[in-house]
C-alpha atoms as a PDB file:
ATOM      1  CA  GLN A   1       0.000   0.000   0.000  1.00  0.00           C
ATOM      2  CA  VAL A   2       1.393   3.367  -1.059  1.00  0.00           C
ATOM      3  CA  GLN A   3       1.503   6.021   1.643  1.00  0.00           C
ATOM      4  CA  LEU A   4       2.344   9.692   1.155  1.00  0.00           C
ATOM      5  CA  VAL A   5       3.048  12.115   4.000  1.00  0.00           C
ATOM      6  CA  GLU A   6       3.567  15.801   3.254  1.00  0.00           C
ATOM      7  CA  SER A   7       5.361  18.350   5.409  1.00  0.00           C
ATOM      8  CA  GLY A   8       6.986  21.737   5.096  1.00  0.00           C
ATOM      9  CA  GLY A   9       4.009  24.031   4.724  1.00  0.00           C
ATOM     10  CA  GLY A  10       3.737  27.280   6.618  1.00  0.00           C
ATOM     11  CA  SER A  11       3.150  30.999   6.420  1.00  0.00           C
ATOM     12  CA  VAL A  12       5.462  33.304   4.497  1.00  0.00           C
ATOM     13  CA  GLN A  13       5.403  36.784   3.065  1.00  0.00           C
ATOM     14  CA  ALA A  14       5.164  37.383  -0.662  1.00  0.00           C
ATOM     15  CA  GLY A  15       8.515  36.857  -2.326  1.00  0.00           C
ATOM     16  CA  GLY A  16       9.557  34.227   0.186  1.00  0.00           C
ATOM     17  CA  SER A  17      10.344  30.558  -0.277  1.00  0.00           C
ATOM     18  CA  LEU A  18       9.206  27.227   1.106  1.00  0.00           C
ATOM     19  CA  ARG A  19      10.182  23.631   0.401  1.00  0.00           C
ATOM     20  CA  LEU A  20       7.516  20.974   0.689  1.00  0.00           C
ATOM     21  CA  SER A  21       8.462  17.350   1.293  1.00  0.00           C
ATOM     22  CA  CYS A  22       6.508  14.177   0.633  1.00  0.00           C
ATOM     23  CA  GLU A  23       7.724  10.979   2.257  1.00  0.00           C
ATOM     24  CA  VAL A  24       6.841   8.028   0.055  1.00  0.00           C
ATOM     25  CA  SER A  25       6.471   4.415   1.161  1.00  0.00           C
ATOM     26  CA  GLY A  26       5.248   1.275  -0.582  1.00  0.00           C
ATOM     27  CA  TYR A  27       5.644   2.740  -4.105  1.00  0.00           C
ATOM     28  CA  ASP A  28       6.836   0.464  -6.919  1.00  0.00           C
ATOM     29  CA  TYR A  29       9.303   2.592  -8.876  1.00  0.00           C
ATOM     30  CA  ARG A  30       9.709  -0.122 -11.545  1.00  0.00           C
ATOM     31  CA  ARG A  31       6.269   0.546 -12.991  1.00  0.00           C
ATOM     32  CA  ASN A  32       7.270   3.928 -14.512  1.00  0.00           C
ATOM     33  CA  GLY A  33       4.487   6.004 -13.049  1.00  0.00           C
ATOM     34  CA  TYR A  34       4.143   9.630 -12.043  1.00  0.00           C
ATOM     35  CA  MET A  35       4.341  11.726  -8.912  1.00  0.00           C
ATOM     36  CA  ALA A  36       2.919  15.201  -8.622  1.00  0.00           C
ATOM     37  CA  TRP A  37       2.009  18.149  -6.470  1.00  0.00           C
ATOM     38  CA  PHE A  38      -1.510  19.546  -6.529  1.00  0.00           C
ATOM     39  CA  ARG A  39      -3.065  22.402  -4.632  1.00  0.00           C
ATOM     40  CA  GLN A  40      -6.529  23.461  -3.666  1.00  0.00           C
ATOM     41  CA  ALA A  41      -7.565  26.905  -2.511  1.00  0.00           C
ATOM     42  CA  PRO A  42     -10.882  27.484  -0.721  1.00  0.00           C
ATOM     43  CA  GLY A  43     -13.766  27.428  -3.156  1.00  0.00           C
ATOM     44  CA  LYS A  44     -11.570  26.334  -6.070  1.00  0.00           C
ATOM     45  CA  GLU A  45     -10.897  23.106  -7.892  1.00  0.00           C
ATOM     46  CA  ARG A  46      -7.827  21.054  -7.081  1.00  0.00           C
ATOM     47  CA  GLU A  47      -5.161  21.890  -9.661  1.00  0.00           C
ATOM     48  CA  GLY A  48      -1.877  20.300 -10.609  1.00  0.00           C
ATOM     49  CA  VAL A  49       1.190  22.497 -10.253  1.00  0.00           C
ATOM     50  CA  ALA A  50       4.159  20.168 -10.869  1.00  0.00           C
ATOM     51  CA  ALA A  51       4.640  16.555 -11.930  1.00  0.00           C
ATOM     52  CA  MET A  52       7.478  14.130 -12.545  1.00  0.00           C
ATOM     53  CA  TYR A  53       7.713  11.026 -14.693  1.00  0.00           C
ATOM     54  CA  ILE A  54       9.305   8.417 -12.430  1.00  0.00           C
ATOM     55  CA  GLY A  55      10.404   6.161 -15.288  1.00  0.00           C
ATOM     56  CA  ASP A  56      13.544   8.141 -16.039  1.00  0.00           C
ATOM     57  CA  GLY A  57      13.245  11.003 -13.571  1.00  0.00           C
ATOM     58  CA  SER A  58      13.985  13.577 -16.238  1.00  0.00           C
ATOM     59  CA  GLY A  59      10.469  14.352 -17.349  1.00  0.00           C
ATOM     60  CA  THR A  60       9.101  17.244 -15.314  1.00  0.00           C
ATOM     61  CA  TYR A  61       6.006  19.283 -15.941  1.00  0.00           C
ATOM     62  CA  TYR A  62       4.819  22.612 -14.552  1.00  0.00           C
ATOM     63  CA  ALA A  63       1.646  24.611 -14.635  1.00  0.00           C
ATOM     64  CA  ASP A  64       2.081  27.962 -16.344  1.00  0.00           C
ATOM     65  CA  SER A  65       1.235  29.741 -13.096  1.00  0.00           C
ATOM     66  CA  VAL A  66       4.322  28.337 -11.328  1.00  0.00           C
ATOM     67  CA  LYS A  67       6.789  27.837 -14.166  1.00  0.00           C
ATOM     68  CA  GLY A  68      10.135  29.390 -13.316  1.00  0.00           C
ATOM     69  CA  ARG A  69       9.263  29.663  -9.616  1.00  0.00           C
ATOM     70  CA  PHE A  70       8.594  26.061  -8.484  1.00  0.00           C
ATOM     71  CA  THR A  71      10.847  23.037  -8.904  1.00  0.00           C
ATOM     72  CA  ILE A  72       9.854  19.408  -8.392  1.00  0.00           C
ATOM     73  CA  SER A  73      12.589  16.935  -7.488  1.00  0.00           C
ATOM     74  CA  ARG A  74      13.077  13.529  -5.923  1.00  0.00           C
ATOM     75  CA  ASP A  75      15.623  12.083  -3.528  1.00  0.00           C
ATOM     76  CA  ALA A  76      15.642   8.431  -4.521  1.00  0.00           C
ATOM     77  CA  ALA A  77      17.831   7.376  -1.608  1.00  0.00           C
ATOM     78  CA  ASN A  78      15.373   8.773   0.935  1.00  0.00           C
ATOM     79  CA  ASP A  79      12.132   8.083  -0.960  1.00  0.00           C
ATOM     80  CA  THR A  80      11.153  11.725  -0.756  1.00  0.00           C
ATOM     81  CA  LEU A  81       9.526  14.029  -3.293  1.00  0.00           C
ATOM     82  CA  TYR A  82      10.111  17.763  -2.978  1.00  0.00           C
ATOM     83  CA  LEU A  83       8.541  20.964  -4.209  1.00  0.00           C
ATOM     84  CA  GLN A  84      10.798  23.993  -3.938  1.00  0.00           C
ATOM     85  CA  MET A  85       8.690  27.129  -4.114  1.00  0.00           C
ATOM     86  CA  ASN A  86      10.365  30.488  -4.681  1.00  0.00           C
ATOM     87  CA  SER A  87       9.025  33.982  -5.284  1.00  0.00           C
ATOM     88  CA  LEU A  88       5.784  33.036  -3.607  1.00  0.00           C
ATOM     89  CA  LYS A  89       2.661  35.073  -4.300  1.00  0.00           C
ATOM     90  CA  PRO A  90      -0.556  35.456  -2.296  1.00  0.00           C
ATOM     91  CA  GLU A  91      -2.348  33.485  -5.011  1.00  0.00           C
ATOM     92  CA  ASP A  92      -0.164  30.487  -4.192  1.00  0.00           C
ATOM     93  CA  THR A  93      -2.034  30.168  -0.893  1.00  0.00           C
ATOM     94  CA  ALA A  94      -3.633  26.719  -0.805  1.00  0.00           C
ATOM     95  CA  LEU A  95      -3.573  23.254   0.691  1.00  0.00           C
ATOM     96  CA  TYR A  96      -0.845  21.377  -1.164  1.00  0.00           C
ATOM     97  CA  TYR A  97      -1.122  17.648  -1.827  1.00  0.00           C
ATOM     98  CA  CYS A  98       1.374  15.046  -2.939  1.00  0.00           C
ATOM     99  CA  ALA A  99      -0.038  12.495  -5.407  1.00  0.00           C
ATOM    100  CA  ALA A 100       1.259   9.287  -6.972  1.00  0.00           C
ATOM    101  CA  ARG A 101       0.411   6.833  -9.717  1.00  0.00           C
ATOM    102  CA  GLU A 102       2.436   3.675 -10.219  1.00  0.00           C
ATOM    103  CA  ASP A 103       1.554   2.934 -13.850  1.00  0.00           C
ATOM    104  CA  TRP A 104       2.523   4.715 -17.065  1.00  0.00           C
ATOM    105  CA  ALA A 105       0.076   7.172 -18.631  1.00  0.00           C
ATOM    106  CA  ALA A 106       0.189   9.763 -21.375  1.00  0.00           C
ATOM    107  CA  SER A 107       2.022  12.875 -20.251  1.00  0.00           C
ATOM    108  CA  SER A 108      -0.868  15.009 -21.454  1.00  0.00           C
ATOM    109  CA  LEU A 109      -2.797  13.740 -18.427  1.00  0.00           C
ATOM    110  CA  VAL A 110      -0.276  14.578 -15.704  1.00  0.00           C
ATOM    111  CA  PHE A 111      -2.361  17.427 -14.277  1.00  0.00           C
ATOM    112  CA  SER A 112      -5.592  15.482 -14.172  1.00  0.00           C
ATOM    113  CA  ARG A 113      -6.446  14.665 -10.561  1.00  0.00           C
ATOM    114  CA  TYR A 114      -8.165  11.477 -11.758  1.00  0.00           C
ATOM    115  CA  LEU A 115      -4.862  10.061 -12.977  1.00  0.00           C
ATOM    116  CA  TYR A 116      -3.553   9.548  -9.449  1.00  0.00           C
ATOM    117  CA  ASN A 117      -4.405   6.645  -7.180  1.00  0.00           C
ATOM    118  CA  TYR A 118      -2.710   7.817  -4.018  1.00  0.00           C
ATOM    119  CA  TRP A 119      -2.864  11.103  -2.125  1.00  0.00           C
ATOM    120  CA  GLY A 120      -1.336  12.575   0.990  1.00  0.00           C
ATOM    121  CA  GLN A 121      -3.264  14.464   3.638  1.00  0.00           C
ATOM    122  CA  GLY A 122      -2.080  17.892   2.486  1.00  0.00           C
ATOM    123  CA  THR A 123       0.037  20.671   3.955  1.00  0.00           C
ATOM    124  CA  GLN A 124      -1.114  24.298   4.176  1.00  0.00           C
ATOM    125  CA  VAL A 125       0.791  27.103   2.483  1.00  0.00           C
ATOM    126  CA  THR A 126      -0.224  30.672   3.265  1.00  0.00           C
ATOM    127  CA  VAL A 127       1.382  33.637   1.521  1.00  0.00           C
ATOM    128  CA  SER A 128       0.660  37.110   2.824  1.00  0.00           C
ATOM    129  CA  SER A 129       1.091  40.332   0.873  1.00  0.00           C
END
């Protein structure tokens, strides 16, 4: 059973940085799936912000709203997925979730929440102006 546990959220001022972590257990890396970060603000749909193709680790994907500011990465030795968030804006305020899928899928689907089988409990990020 795959388990995902996020940490690292908090409150920062606009322009600041945070690094989110997602501890992964039970995931079968041989099946060339995907891992991703989603976020959900109050009253809004859950949206994908960054994703990584686990098969070769080089395929990364970013939503236009975070491109150039957020970086997704993985520490294979420690089974941890990261989201480095720089130049934070008030509109980045949301509950951030780690998500995982063990099987391959078309990359065009990486920001569809329905692609992912496993989810963490979320970590809150609040950015003040």
